[in-house]
Amino acid sequence: QVQLVESGGGLVQPGGSLRLSCAASGSNFSRYAMGWYRQAPGKQREFVATITSGGNTNYADSVKGRFTISRDNAKNTVYLQMNSLKPEDTAVYYCAADPFIATLYRGRAGSWGQGTQVTVSS
């Protein structure tokens, strides 16, 4: 397993941008599929984006075209670039890691970060 620590959350106005980072410790980071999920108050956690060990990406329809997931294996870090933010993007964002992308697609993961708050408000 890997240990994950998210950073980069904060308060941003509608239409603004933020970049979240998730730093992983442990071995073999490059072999892990990575994902971002979010949970808004009173709602269930939902899928945002995933990236495989090979760099293939997948996005929720609600963020497609606005968010970009990427990874830097040399830095053991995965990123979520969020542009054109909307109030409905307000949530706690969680980073997840698992050796198998299918596990992430089911909303499960071997490792989760502690979450970082993103608030989109004027």
PDB file of N, CA and C in Angstrom:
ATOM      1  N   GLN A   1       0.833  -1.195   0.000  1.00  0.00           N
ATOM      2  CA  GLN A   1       0.000   0.000   0.000  1.00  0.00           C
ATOM      3  C   GLN A   1       0.867   1.243   0.000  1.00  0.00           C
ATOM      4  N   VAL A   2       0.243   2.350  -0.408  1.00  0.00           N
ATOM      5  CA  VAL A   2       0.913   3.641  -0.371  1.00  0.00           C
ATOM      6  C   VAL A   2       0.154   4.556   0.582  1.00  0.00           C
ATOM      7  N   GLN A   3       0.841   5.522   1.115  1.00  0.00           N
ATOM      8  CA  GLN A   3       0.212   6.545   1.940  1.00  0.00           C
ATOM      9  C   GLN A   3       0.057   7.794   1.082  1.00  0.00           C
ATOM     10  N   LEU A   4      -1.095   8.437   1.202  1.00  0.00           N
ATOM     11  CA  LEU A   4      -1.437   9.545   0.315  1.00  0.00           C
ATOM     12  C   LEU A   4      -1.739  10.805   1.124  1.00  0.00           C
ATOM     13  N   VAL A   5      -1.229  11.930   0.642  1.00  0.00           N
ATOM     14  CA  VAL A   5      -1.488  13.217   1.288  1.00  0.00           C
ATOM     15  C   VAL A   5      -1.872  14.233   0.221  1.00  0.00           C
ATOM     16  N   GLU A   6      -3.105  14.745   0.323  1.00  0.00           N
ATOM     17  CA  GLU A   6      -3.579  15.741  -0.632  1.00  0.00           C
ATOM     18  C   GLU A   6      -3.243  17.154  -0.161  1.00  0.00           C
ATOM     19  N   SER A   7      -3.133  18.054  -1.116  1.00  0.00           N
ATOM     20  CA  SER A   7      -2.952  19.472  -0.826  1.00  0.00           C
ATOM     21  C   SER A   7      -3.473  20.285  -2.002  1.00  0.00           C
ATOM     22  N   GLY A   8      -3.622  21.594  -1.768  1.00  0.00           N
ATOM     23  CA  GLY A   8      -4.007  22.483  -2.857  1.00  0.00           C
ATOM     24  C   GLY A   8      -5.442  22.958  -2.829  1.00  0.00           C
ATOM     25  N   GLY A   9      -6.228  22.464  -1.884  1.00  0.00           N
ATOM     26  CA  GLY A   9      -7.604  22.924  -1.803  1.00  0.00           C
ATOM     27  C   GLY A   9      -7.686  24.354  -1.294  1.00  0.00           C
ATOM     28  N   GLY A  10      -8.896  24.912  -1.341  1.00  0.00           N
ATOM     29  CA  GLY A  10      -9.086  26.274  -0.850  1.00  0.00           C
ATOM     30  C   GLY A  10     -10.380  26.860  -1.347  1.00  0.00           C
ATOM     31  N   LEU A  11     -10.489  28.169  -1.182  1.00  0.00           N
ATOM     32  CA  LEU A  11     -11.667  28.922  -1.613  1.00  0.00           C
ATOM     33  C   LEU A  11     -11.358  29.609  -2.935  1.00  0.00           C
ATOM     34  N   VAL A  12     -12.232  29.457  -3.904  1.00  0.00           N
ATOM     35  CA  VAL A  12     -12.039  30.063  -5.219  1.00  0.00           C
ATOM     36  C   VAL A  12     -13.374  30.564  -5.734  1.00  0.00           C
ATOM     37  N   GLN A  13     -13.336  31.623  -6.518  1.00  0.00           N
ATOM     38  CA  GLN A  13     -14.566  32.160  -7.104  1.00  0.00           C
ATOM     39  C   GLN A  13     -15.020  31.311  -8.288  1.00  0.00           C
ATOM     40  N   PRO A  14     -16.303  31.334  -8.581  1.00  0.00           N
ATOM     41  CA  PRO A  14     -16.780  30.623  -9.778  1.00  0.00           C
ATOM     42  C   PRO A  14     -16.023  31.082 -11.020  1.00  0.00           C
ATOM     43  N   GLY A  15     -15.670  30.107 -11.845  1.00  0.00           N
ATOM     44  CA  GLY A  15     -14.871  30.386 -13.031  1.00  0.00           C
ATOM     45  C   GLY A  15     -13.378  30.315 -12.802  1.00  0.00           C
ATOM     46  N   GLY A  16     -12.977  30.198 -11.547  1.00  0.00           N
ATOM     47  CA  GLY A  16     -11.558  30.146 -11.218  1.00  0.00           C
ATOM     48  C   GLY A  16     -10.967  28.756 -11.365  1.00  0.00           C
ATOM     49  N   SER A  17      -9.697  28.647 -10.976  1.00  0.00           N
ATOM     50  CA  SER A  17      -8.957  27.398 -11.122  1.00  0.00           C
ATOM     51  C   SER A  17      -8.237  27.045  -9.831  1.00  0.00           C
ATOM     52  N   LEU A  18      -8.036  25.759  -9.646  1.00  0.00           N
ATOM     53  CA  LEU A  18      -7.214  25.227  -8.567  1.00  0.00           C
ATOM     54  C   LEU A  18      -6.487  23.998  -9.091  1.00  0.00           C
ATOM     55  N   ARG A  19      -5.327  23.713  -8.508  1.00  0.00           N
ATOM     56  CA  ARG A  19      -4.644  22.455  -8.802  1.00  0.00           C
ATOM     57  C   ARG A  19      -4.435  21.698  -7.502  1.00  0.00           C
ATOM     58  N   LEU A  20      -5.004  20.515  -7.442  1.00  0.00           N
ATOM     59  CA  LEU A  20      -4.804  19.644  -6.299  1.00  0.00           C
ATOM     60  C   LEU A  20      -3.611  18.728  -6.560  1.00  0.00           C
ATOM     61  N   SER A  21      -2.898  18.425  -5.489  1.00  0.00           N
ATOM     62  CA  SER A  21      -1.782  17.494  -5.562  1.00  0.00           C
ATOM     63  C   SER A  21      -2.008  16.372  -4.566  1.00  0.00           C
ATOM     64  N   CYS A  22      -1.502  15.208  -4.911  1.00  0.00           N
ATOM     65  CA  CYS A  22      -1.569  14.060  -4.016  1.00  0.00           C
ATOM     66  C   CYS A  22      -0.198  13.404  -4.026  1.00  0.00           C
ATOM     67  N   ALA A  23       0.500  13.526  -2.919  1.00  0.00           N
ATOM     68  CA  ALA A  23       1.835  12.955  -2.793  1.00  0.00           C
ATOM     69  C   ALA A  23       1.742  11.577  -2.168  1.00  0.00           C
ATOM     70  N   ALA A  24       2.410  10.626  -2.800  1.00  0.00           N
ATOM     71  CA  ALA A  24       2.373   9.241  -2.335  1.00  0.00           C
ATOM     72  C   ALA A  24       3.719   8.827  -1.774  1.00  0.00           C
ATOM     73  N   SER A  25       3.680   8.114  -0.684  1.00  0.00           N
ATOM     74  CA  SER A  25       4.901   7.523  -0.142  1.00  0.00           C
ATOM     75  C   SER A  25       4.753   6.014  -0.216  1.00  0.00           C
ATOM     76  N   GLY A  26       5.858   5.336  -0.288  1.00  0.00           N
ATOM     77  CA  GLY A  26       5.824   3.901  -0.482  1.00  0.00           C
ATOM     78  C   GLY A  26       6.444   3.550  -1.815  1.00  0.00           C
ATOM     79  N   SER A  27       6.553   2.287  -2.059  1.00  0.00           N
ATOM     80  CA  SER A  27       7.270   1.840  -3.259  1.00  0.00           C
ATOM     81  C   SER A  27       6.315   1.585  -4.422  1.00  0.00           C
ATOM     82  N   ASN A  28       6.875   1.575  -5.593  1.00  0.00           N
ATOM     83  CA  ASN A  28       6.162   1.174  -6.808  1.00  0.00           C
ATOM     84  C   ASN A  28       4.985   2.076  -7.152  1.00  0.00           C
ATOM     85  N   PHE A  29       5.118   3.367  -6.896  1.00  0.00           N
ATOM     86  CA  PHE A  29       4.029   4.303  -7.203  1.00  0.00           C
ATOM     87  C   PHE A  29       3.620   4.196  -8.661  1.00  0.00           C
ATOM     88  N   SER A  30       4.580   4.054  -9.543  1.00  0.00           N
ATOM     89  CA  SER A  30       4.272   4.055 -10.981  1.00  0.00           C
ATOM     90  C   SER A  30       3.381   2.906 -11.387  1.00  0.00           C
ATOM     91  N   ARG A  31       3.296   1.876 -10.575  1.00  0.00           N
ATOM     92  CA  ARG A  31       2.474   0.708 -10.890  1.00  0.00           C
ATOM     93  C   ARG A  31       1.035   0.854 -10.447  1.00  0.00           C
ATOM     94  N   TYR A  32       0.735   1.916  -9.703  1.00  0.00           N
ATOM     95  CA  TYR A  32      -0.609   2.097  -9.161  1.00  0.00           C
ATOM     96  C   TYR A  32      -1.497   2.889 -10.117  1.00  0.00           C
ATOM     97  N   ALA A  33      -2.751   2.480 -10.202  1.00  0.00           N
ATOM     98  CA  ALA A  33      -3.778   3.339 -10.769  1.00  0.00           C
ATOM     99  C   ALA A  33      -4.167   4.349  -9.691  1.00  0.00           C
ATOM    100  N   MET A  34      -4.408   5.586 -10.113  1.00  0.00           N
ATOM    101  CA  MET A  34      -4.710   6.666  -9.181  1.00  0.00           C
ATOM    102  C   MET A  34      -6.052   7.302  -9.539  1.00  0.00           C
ATOM    103  N   GLY A  35      -6.719   7.814  -8.525  1.00  0.00           N
ATOM    104  CA  GLY A  35      -8.016   8.435  -8.787  1.00  0.00           C
ATOM    105  C   GLY A  35      -8.302   9.591  -7.859  1.00  0.00           C
ATOM    106  N   TRP A  36      -9.213  10.425  -8.297  1.00  0.00           N
ATOM    107  CA  TRP A  36      -9.755  11.501  -7.467  1.00  0.00           C
ATOM    108  C   TRP A  36     -11.259  11.281  -7.318  1.00  0.00           C
ATOM    109  N   TYR A  37     -11.725  11.464  -6.096  1.00  0.00           N
ATOM    110  CA  TYR A  37     -13.135  11.362  -5.781  1.00  0.00           C
ATOM    111  C   TYR A  37     -13.506  12.588  -4.961  1.00  0.00           C
ATOM    112  N   ARG A  38     -14.794  12.849  -4.842  1.00  0.00           N
ATOM    113  CA  ARG A  38     -15.212  13.989  -4.024  1.00  0.00           C
ATOM    114  C   ARG A  38     -16.505  13.667  -3.297  1.00  0.00           C
ATOM    115  N   GLN A  39     -16.702  14.366  -2.198  1.00  0.00           N
ATOM    116  CA  GLN A  39     -17.913  14.190  -1.408  1.00  0.00           C
ATOM    117  C   GLN A  39     -18.401  15.548  -0.943  1.00  0.00           C
ATOM    118  N   ALA A  40     -19.589  15.914  -1.401  1.00  0.00           N
ATOM    119  CA  ALA A  40     -20.222  17.158  -0.996  1.00  0.00           C
ATOM    120  C   ALA A  40     -21.060  16.915   0.256  1.00  0.00           C
ATOM    121  N   PRO A  41     -21.342  17.950   1.028  1.00  0.00           N
ATOM    122  CA  PRO A  41     -22.143  17.780   2.235  1.00  0.00           C
ATOM    123  C   PRO A  41     -23.487  17.134   1.931  1.00  0.00           C
ATOM    124  N   GLY A  42     -23.813  16.091   2.681  1.00  0.00           N
ATOM    125  CA  GLY A  42     -25.092  15.415   2.523  1.00  0.00           C
ATOM    126  C   GLY A  42     -25.188  14.501   1.325  1.00  0.00           C
ATOM    127  N   LYS A  43     -24.084  14.312   0.628  1.00  0.00           N
ATOM    128  CA  LYS A  43     -24.094  13.473  -0.571  1.00  0.00           C
ATOM    129  C   LYS A  43     -23.090  12.341  -0.431  1.00  0.00           C
ATOM    130  N   GLN A  44     -23.271  11.329  -1.270  1.00  0.00           N
ATOM    131  CA  GLN A  44     -22.322  10.224  -1.283  1.00  0.00           C
ATOM    132  C   GLN A  44     -21.061  10.622  -2.046  1.00  0.00           C
ATOM    133  N   ARG A  45     -19.993   9.954  -1.718  1.00  0.00           N
ATOM    134  CA  ARG A  45     -18.749  10.169  -2.449  1.00  0.00           C
ATOM    135  C   ARG A  45     -18.943   9.776  -3.912  1.00  0.00           C
ATOM    136  N   GLU A  46     -18.371  10.574  -4.817  1.00  0.00           N
ATOM    137  CA  GLU A  46     -18.528  10.289  -6.243  1.00  0.00           C
ATOM    138  C   GLU A  46     -17.188  10.328  -6.960  1.00  0.00           C
ATOM    139  N   PHE A  47     -17.151   9.601  -8.030  1.00  0.00           N
ATOM    140  CA  PHE A  47     -15.966   9.507  -8.891  1.00  0.00           C
ATOM    141  C   PHE A  47     -15.750  10.828  -9.623  1.00  0.00           C
ATOM    142  N   VAL A  48     -14.498  11.245  -9.734  1.00  0.00           N
ATOM    143  CA  VAL A  48     -14.141  12.439 -10.495  1.00  0.00           C
ATOM    144  C   VAL A  48     -13.277  12.076 -11.693  1.00  0.00           C
ATOM    145  N   ALA A  49     -12.152  11.405 -11.429  1.00  0.00           N
ATOM    146  CA  ALA A  49     -11.225  11.085 -12.515  1.00  0.00           C
ATOM    147  C   ALA A  49     -10.281   9.977 -12.068  1.00  0.00           C
ATOM    148  N   THR A  50      -9.793   9.218 -13.039  1.00  0.00           N
ATOM    149  CA  THR A  50      -8.772   8.207 -12.780  1.00  0.00           C
ATOM    150  C   THR A  50      -7.686   8.274 -13.842  1.00  0.00           C
ATOM    151  N   ILE A  51      -6.525   7.760 -13.483  1.00  0.00           N
ATOM    152  CA  ILE A  51      -5.424   7.621 -14.422  1.00  0.00           C
ATOM    153  C   ILE A  51      -4.740   6.293 -14.145  1.00  0.00           C
ATOM    154  N   THR A  52      -4.511   5.526 -15.199  1.00  0.00           N
ATOM    155  CA  THR A  52      -3.872   4.228 -15.034  1.00  0.00           C
ATOM    156  C   THR A  52      -2.358   4.380 -14.922  1.00  0.00           C
ATOM    157  N   SER A  53      -1.698   3.279 -14.634  1.00  0.00           N
ATOM    158  CA  SER A  53      -0.236   3.298 -14.586  1.00  0.00           C
ATOM    159  C   SER A  53       0.340   3.668 -15.947  1.00  0.00           C
ATOM    160  N   GLY A  54      -0.384   3.369 -16.997  1.00  0.00           N
ATOM    161  CA  GLY A  54       0.073   3.689 -18.338  1.00  0.00           C
ATOM    162  C   GLY A  54      -0.323   5.071 -18.819  1.00  0.00           C
ATOM    163  N   GLY A  55      -1.073   5.807 -17.987  1.00  0.00           N
ATOM    164  CA  GLY A  55      -1.425   7.175 -18.341  1.00  0.00           C
ATOM    165  C   GLY A  55      -2.787   7.359 -18.984  1.00  0.00           C
ATOM    166  N   ASN A  56      -3.568   6.297 -19.095  1.00  0.00           N
ATOM    167  CA  ASN A  56      -4.918   6.435 -19.644  1.00  0.00           C
ATOM    168  C   ASN A  56      -5.832   7.092 -18.609  1.00  0.00           C
ATOM    169  N   THR A  57      -6.650   8.023 -19.074  1.00  0.00           N
ATOM    170  CA  THR A  57      -7.484   8.793 -18.158  1.00  0.00           C
ATOM    171  C   THR A  57      -8.971   8.559 -18.414  1.00  0.00           C
ATOM    172  N   ASN A  58      -9.737   8.822 -17.383  1.00  0.00           N
ATOM    173  CA  ASN A  58     -11.187   8.698 -17.467  1.00  0.00           C
ATOM    174  C   ASN A  58     -11.789   9.760 -16.545  1.00  0.00           C
ATOM    175  N   TYR A  59     -12.900  10.362 -16.977  1.00  0.00           N
ATOM    176  CA  TYR A  59     -13.496  11.462 -16.225  1.00  0.00           C
ATOM    177  C   TYR A  59     -14.999  11.278 -16.062  1.00  0.00           C
ATOM    178  N   ALA A  60     -15.501  11.806 -14.961  1.00  0.00           N
ATOM    179  CA  ALA A  60     -16.943  11.915 -14.807  1.00  0.00           C
ATOM    180  C   ALA A  60     -17.465  12.933 -15.812  1.00  0.00           C
ATOM    181  N   ASP A  61     -18.674  12.707 -16.296  1.00  0.00           N
ATOM    182  CA  ASP A  61     -19.240  13.627 -17.283  1.00  0.00           C
ATOM    183  C   ASP A  61     -19.326  15.052 -16.748  1.00  0.00           C
ATOM    184  N   SER A  62     -19.541  15.192 -15.459  1.00  0.00           N
ATOM    185  CA  SER A  62     -19.724  16.512 -14.859  1.00  0.00           C
ATOM    186  C   SER A  62     -18.463  17.361 -14.867  1.00  0.00           C
ATOM    187  N   VAL A  63     -17.299  16.731 -15.052  1.00  0.00           N
ATOM    188  CA  VAL A  63     -16.038  17.489 -15.022  1.00  0.00           C
ATOM    189  C   VAL A  63     -15.288  17.407 -16.344  1.00  0.00           C
ATOM    190  N   LYS A  64     -15.773  16.609 -17.267  1.00  0.00           N
ATOM    191  CA  LYS A  64     -15.082  16.424 -18.538  1.00  0.00           C
ATOM    192  C   LYS A  64     -14.928  17.758 -19.260  1.00  0.00           C
ATOM    193  N   GLY A  65     -13.717  18.018 -19.725  1.00  0.00           N
ATOM    194  CA  GLY A  65     -13.453  19.270 -20.415  1.00  0.00           C
ATOM    195  C   GLY A  65     -13.028  20.405 -19.499  1.00  0.00           C
ATOM    196  N   ARG A  66     -13.204  20.216 -18.185  1.00  0.00           N
ATOM    197  CA  ARG A  66     -12.821  21.253 -17.221  1.00  0.00           C
ATOM    198  C   ARG A  66     -11.682  20.793 -16.316  1.00  0.00           C
ATOM    199  N   PHE A  67     -11.653  19.507 -15.982  1.00  0.00           N
ATOM    200  CA  PHE A  67     -10.642  18.956 -15.078  1.00  0.00           C
ATOM    201  C   PHE A  67      -9.663  18.091 -15.874  1.00  0.00           C
ATOM    202  N   THR A  68      -8.418  18.070 -15.407  1.00  0.00           N
ATOM    203  CA  THR A  68      -7.396  17.220 -16.020  1.00  0.00           C
ATOM    204  C   THR A  68      -6.612  16.511 -14.922  1.00  0.00           C
ATOM    205  N   ILE A  69      -6.571  15.190 -15.008  1.00  0.00           N
ATOM    206  CA  ILE A  69      -5.758  14.400 -14.084  1.00  0.00           C
ATOM    207  C   ILE A  69      -4.435  14.068 -14.771  1.00  0.00           C
ATOM    208  N   SER A  70      -3.352  14.124 -13.994  1.00  0.00           N
ATOM    209  CA  SER A  70      -2.034  13.785 -14.536  1.00  0.00           C
ATOM    210  C   SER A  70      -1.193  13.214 -13.409  1.00  0.00           C
ATOM    211  N   ARG A  71      -0.073  12.621 -13.782  1.00  0.00           N
ATOM    212  CA  ARG A  71       0.811  12.046 -12.778  1.00  0.00           C
ATOM    213  C   ARG A  71       2.249  12.307 -13.149  1.00  0.00           C
ATOM    214  N   ASP A  72       3.090  12.427 -12.123  1.00  0.00           N
ATOM    215  CA  ASP A  72       4.534  12.569 -12.299  1.00  0.00           C
ATOM    216  C   ASP A  72       5.162  11.456 -11.467  1.00  0.00           C
ATOM    217  N   ASN A  73       5.537  10.382 -12.121  1.00  0.00           N
ATOM    218  CA  ASN A  73       6.051   9.232 -11.388  1.00  0.00           C
ATOM    219  C   ASN A  73       7.401   9.520 -10.730  1.00  0.00           C
ATOM    220  N   ALA A  74       8.149  10.436 -11.291  1.00  0.00           N
ATOM    221  CA  ALA A  74       9.433  10.797 -10.684  1.00  0.00           C
ATOM    222  C   ALA A  74       9.233  11.487  -9.336  1.00  0.00           C
ATOM    223  N   LYS A  75       8.084  12.139  -9.169  1.00  0.00           N
ATOM    224  CA  LYS A  75       7.780  12.846  -7.923  1.00  0.00           C
ATOM    225  C   LYS A  75       6.757  12.105  -7.061  1.00  0.00           C
ATOM    226  N   ASN A  76       6.342  10.932  -7.504  1.00  0.00           N
ATOM    227  CA  ASN A  76       5.332  10.160  -6.767  1.00  0.00           C
ATOM    228  C   ASN A  76       4.091  10.999  -6.479  1.00  0.00           C
ATOM    229  N   THR A  77       3.646  11.731  -7.471  1.00  0.00           N
ATOM    230  CA  THR A  77       2.553  12.677  -7.267  1.00  0.00           C
ATOM    231  C   THR A  77       1.543  12.589  -8.409  1.00  0.00           C
ATOM    232  N   VAL A  78       0.267  12.706  -8.040  1.00  0.00           N
ATOM    233  CA  VAL A  78      -0.800  12.818  -9.019  1.00  0.00           C
ATOM    234  C   VAL A  78      -1.471  14.171  -8.807  1.00  0.00           C
ATOM    235  N   TYR A  79      -1.914  14.767  -9.891  1.00  0.00           N
ATOM    236  CA  TYR A  79      -2.494  16.107  -9.856  1.00  0.00           C
ATOM    237  C   TYR A  79      -3.919  16.099 -10.400  1.00  0.00           C
ATOM    238  N   LEU A  80      -4.680  17.090  -9.981  1.00  0.00           N
ATOM    239  CA  LEU A  80      -5.987  17.342 -10.567  1.00  0.00           C
ATOM    240  C   LEU A  80      -6.078  18.840 -10.839  1.00  0.00           C
ATOM    241  N   GLN A  81      -5.946  19.203 -12.105  1.00  0.00           N
ATOM    242  CA  GLN A  81      -6.094  20.593 -12.510  1.00  0.00           C
ATOM    243  C   GLN A  81      -7.573  20.864 -12.747  1.00  0.00           C
ATOM    244  N   MET A  82      -8.116  21.823 -12.025  1.00  0.00           N
ATOM    245  CA  MET A  82      -9.540  22.118 -12.098  1.00  0.00           C
ATOM    246  C   MET A  82      -9.728  23.540 -12.613  1.00  0.00           C
ATOM    247  N   ASN A  83     -10.356  23.653 -13.766  1.00  0.00           N
ATOM    248  CA  ASN A  83     -10.623  24.945 -14.384  1.00  0.00           C
ATOM    249  C   ASN A  83     -12.124  25.183 -14.474  1.00  0.00           C
ATOM    250  N   SER A  84     -12.496  26.425 -14.711  1.00  0.00           N
ATOM    251  CA  SER A  84     -13.911  26.794 -14.861  1.00  0.00           C
ATOM    252  C   SER A  84     -14.753  26.223 -13.736  1.00  0.00           C
ATOM    253  N   LEU A  85     -14.281  26.421 -12.523  1.00  0.00           N
ATOM    254  CA  LEU A  85     -14.956  25.837 -11.366  1.00  0.00           C
ATOM    255  C   LEU A  85     -16.337  26.418 -11.161  1.00  0.00           C
ATOM    256  N   LYS A  86     -17.229  25.560 -10.677  1.00  0.00           N
ATOM    257  CA  LYS A  86     -18.622  25.914 -10.434  1.00  0.00           C
ATOM    258  C   LYS A  86     -18.947  25.694  -8.957  1.00  0.00           C
ATOM    259  N   PRO A  87     -19.947  26.360  -8.446  1.00  0.00           N
ATOM    260  CA  PRO A  87     -20.333  26.127  -7.043  1.00  0.00           C
ATOM    261  C   PRO A  87     -20.622  24.656  -6.757  1.00  0.00           C
ATOM    262  N   GLU A  88     -21.143  23.939  -7.723  1.00  0.00           N
ATOM    263  CA  GLU A  88     -21.455  22.519  -7.509  1.00  0.00           C
ATOM    264  C   GLU A  88     -20.212  21.637  -7.445  1.00  0.00           C
ATOM    265  N   ASP A  89     -19.049  22.199  -7.691  1.00  0.00           N
ATOM    266  CA  ASP A  89     -17.797  21.466  -7.509  1.00  0.00           C
ATOM    267  C   ASP A  89     -17.338  21.501  -6.046  1.00  0.00           C
ATOM    268  N   THR A  90     -18.016  22.263  -5.220  1.00  0.00           N
ATOM    269  CA  THR A  90     -17.660  22.343  -3.806  1.00  0.00           C
ATOM    270  C   THR A  90     -17.791  20.977  -3.147  1.00  0.00           C
ATOM    271  N   ALA A  91     -16.707  20.527  -2.521  1.00  0.00           N
ATOM    272  CA  ALA A  91     -16.678  19.197  -1.907  1.00  0.00           C
ATOM    273  C   ALA A  91     -15.324  18.993  -1.236  1.00  0.00           C
ATOM    274  N   VAL A  92     -15.239  17.918  -0.480  1.00  0.00           N
ATOM    275  CA  VAL A  92     -13.934  17.423  -0.038  1.00  0.00           C
ATOM    276  C   VAL A  92     -13.438  16.469  -1.117  1.00  0.00           C
ATOM    277  N   TYR A  93     -12.235  16.713  -1.587  1.00  0.00           N
ATOM    278  CA  TYR A  93     -11.648  15.905  -2.651  1.00  0.00           C
ATOM    279  C   TYR A  93     -10.652  14.919  -2.059  1.00  0.00           C
ATOM    280  N   TYR A  94     -10.802  13.659  -2.462  1.00  0.00           N
ATOM    281  CA  TYR A  94      -9.968  12.587  -1.951  1.00  0.00           C
ATOM    282  C   TYR A  94      -9.160  11.959  -3.072  1.00  0.00           C
ATOM    283  N   CYS A  95      -7.936  11.646  -2.752  1.00  0.00           N
ATOM    284  CA  CYS A  95      -7.052  10.914  -3.644  1.00  0.00           C
ATOM    285  C   CYS A  95      -7.108   9.434  -3.270  1.00  0.00           C
ATOM    286  N   ALA A  96      -7.021   8.563  -4.256  1.00  0.00           N
ATOM    287  CA  ALA A  96      -7.076   7.129  -4.011  1.00  0.00           C
ATOM    288  C   ALA A  96      -6.065   6.413  -4.888  1.00  0.00           C
ATOM    289  N   ALA A  97      -5.607   5.273  -4.411  1.00  0.00           N
ATOM    290  CA  ALA A  97      -4.635   4.478  -5.148  1.00  0.00           C
ATOM    291  C   ALA A  97      -4.961   3.006  -5.014  1.00  0.00           C
ATOM    292  N   ASP A  98      -4.756   2.289  -6.099  1.00  0.00           N
ATOM    293  CA  ASP A  98      -4.946   0.846  -6.072  1.00  0.00           C
ATOM    294  C   ASP A  98      -4.149   0.227  -7.220  1.00  0.00           C
ATOM    295  N   PRO A  99      -3.642  -0.997  -7.012  1.00  0.00           N
ATOM    296  CA  PRO A  99      -2.919  -1.637  -8.119  1.00  0.00           C
ATOM    297  C   PRO A  99      -3.806  -1.897  -9.334  1.00  0.00           C
ATOM    298  N   PHE A 100      -5.135  -1.956  -9.125  1.00  0.00           N
ATOM    299  CA  PHE A 100      -6.034  -2.327 -10.202  1.00  0.00           C
ATOM    300  C   PHE A 100      -7.028  -1.213 -10.502  1.00  0.00           C
ATOM    301  N   ILE A 101      -7.058  -0.775 -11.765  1.00  0.00           N
ATOM    302  CA  ILE A 101      -7.952   0.306 -12.163  1.00  0.00           C
ATOM    303  C   ILE A 101      -9.414  -0.108 -11.984  1.00  0.00           C
ATOM    304  N   ALA A 102      -9.708  -1.405 -12.147  1.00  0.00           N
ATOM    305  CA  ALA A 102     -11.088  -1.868 -11.992  1.00  0.00           C
ATOM    306  C   ALA A 102     -11.597  -1.611 -10.572  1.00  0.00           C
ATOM    307  N   THR A 103     -10.709  -1.698  -9.613  1.00  0.00           N
ATOM    308  CA  THR A 103     -11.102  -1.435  -8.227  1.00  0.00           C
ATOM    309  C   THR A 103     -11.504   0.028  -8.067  1.00  0.00           C
ATOM    310  N   LEU A 104     -10.744   0.927  -8.659  1.00  0.00           N
ATOM    311  CA  LEU A 104     -11.086   2.354  -8.597  1.00  0.00           C
ATOM    312  C   LEU A 104     -12.409   2.620  -9.297  1.00  0.00           C
ATOM    313  N   TYR A 105     -12.658   1.955 -10.410  1.00  0.00           N
ATOM    314  CA  TYR A 105     -13.915   2.157 -11.134  1.00  0.00           C
ATOM    315  C   TYR A 105     -15.121   1.777 -10.278  1.00  0.00           C
ATOM    316  N   ARG A 106     -14.903   0.863  -9.325  1.00  0.00           N
ATOM    317  CA  ARG A 106     -15.989   0.476  -8.421  1.00  0.00           C
ATOM    318  C   ARG A 106     -16.076   1.387  -7.209  1.00  0.00           C
ATOM    319  N   GLY A 107     -15.248   2.432  -7.199  1.00  0.00           N
ATOM    320  CA  GLY A 107     -15.265   3.362  -6.073  1.00  0.00           C
ATOM    321  C   GLY A 107     -14.545   2.859  -4.849  1.00  0.00           C
ATOM    322  N   ARG A 108     -13.743   1.858  -5.022  1.00  0.00           N
ATOM    323  CA  ARG A 108     -12.979   1.303  -3.921  1.00  0.00           C
ATOM    324  C   ARG A 108     -11.495   1.542  -4.180  1.00  0.00           C
ATOM    325  N   ALA A 109     -10.685   1.426  -3.123  1.00  0.00           N
ATOM    326  CA  ALA A 109      -9.244   1.604  -3.287  1.00  0.00           C
ATOM    327  C   ALA A 109      -8.528   1.035  -2.078  1.00  0.00           C
ATOM    328  N   GLY A 110      -7.299   0.595  -2.310  1.00  0.00           N
ATOM    329  CA  GLY A 110      -6.502   0.092  -1.197  1.00  0.00           C
ATOM    330  C   GLY A 110      -6.009   1.204  -0.294  1.00  0.00           C
ATOM    331  N   SER A 111      -5.851   2.412  -0.855  1.00  0.00           N
ATOM    332  CA  SER A 111      -5.341   3.541  -0.079  1.00  0.00           C
ATOM    333  C   SER A 111      -6.150   4.796  -0.398  1.00  0.00           C
ATOM    334  N   TRP A 112      -6.435   5.565   0.659  1.00  0.00           N
ATOM    335  CA  TRP A 112      -7.145   6.838   0.526  1.00  0.00           C
ATOM    336  C   TRP A 112      -6.375   7.928   1.270  1.00  0.00           C
ATOM    337  N   GLY A 113      -6.430   9.123   0.749  1.00  0.00           N
ATOM    338  CA  GLY A 113      -5.894  10.260   1.472  1.00  0.00           C
ATOM    339  C   GLY A 113      -6.917  10.799   2.453  1.00  0.00           C
ATOM    340  N   GLN A 114      -6.515  11.851   3.168  1.00  0.00           N
ATOM    341  CA  GLN A 114      -7.384  12.392   4.210  1.00  0.00           C
ATOM    342  C   GLN A 114      -8.374  13.422   3.667  1.00  0.00           C
ATOM    343  N   GLY A 115      -8.155  13.859   2.440  1.00  0.00           N
ATOM    344  CA  GLY A 115      -9.074  14.797   1.797  1.00  0.00           C
ATOM    345  C   GLY A 115      -8.629  16.237   1.911  1.00  0.00           C
ATOM    346  N   THR A 116      -9.024  17.039   0.930  1.00  0.00           N
ATOM    347  CA  THR A 116      -8.761  18.477   0.938  1.00  0.00           C
ATOM    348  C   THR A 116     -10.028  19.201   0.493  1.00  0.00           C
ATOM    349  N   GLN A 117     -10.375  20.262   1.210  1.00  0.00           N
ATOM    350  CA  GLN A 117     -11.620  20.966   0.945  1.00  0.00           C
ATOM    351  C   GLN A 117     -11.464  21.924  -0.224  1.00  0.00           C
ATOM    352  N   VAL A 118     -12.419  21.863  -1.135  1.00  0.00           N
ATOM    353  CA  VAL A 118     -12.513  22.826  -2.232  1.00  0.00           C
ATOM    354  C   VAL A 118     -13.869  23.525  -2.108  1.00  0.00           C
ATOM    355  N   THR A 119     -13.843  24.836  -2.029  1.00  0.00           N
ATOM    356  CA  THR A 119     -15.063  25.622  -1.925  1.00  0.00           C
ATOM    357  C   THR A 119     -15.097  26.632  -3.060  1.00  0.00           C
ATOM    358  N   VAL A 120     -16.163  26.581  -3.849  1.00  0.00           N
ATOM    359  CA  VAL A 120     -16.330  27.498  -4.973  1.00  0.00           C
ATOM    360  C   VAL A 120     -17.493  28.425  -4.638  1.00  0.00           C
ATOM    361  N   SER A 121     -17.157  29.671  -4.393  1.00  0.00           N
ATOM    362  CA  SER A 121     -18.172  30.620  -3.949  1.00  0.00           C
ATOM    363  C   SER A 121     -17.709  32.039  -4.219  1.00  0.00           C
ATOM    364  N   SER A 122     -18.667  32.901  -4.503  1.00  0.00           N
ATOM    365  CA  SER A 122     -18.353  34.314  -4.671  1.00  0.00           C
ATOM    366  C   SER A 122     -18.536  35.066  -3.356  1.00  0.00           C
TER     367      SER A 122
END
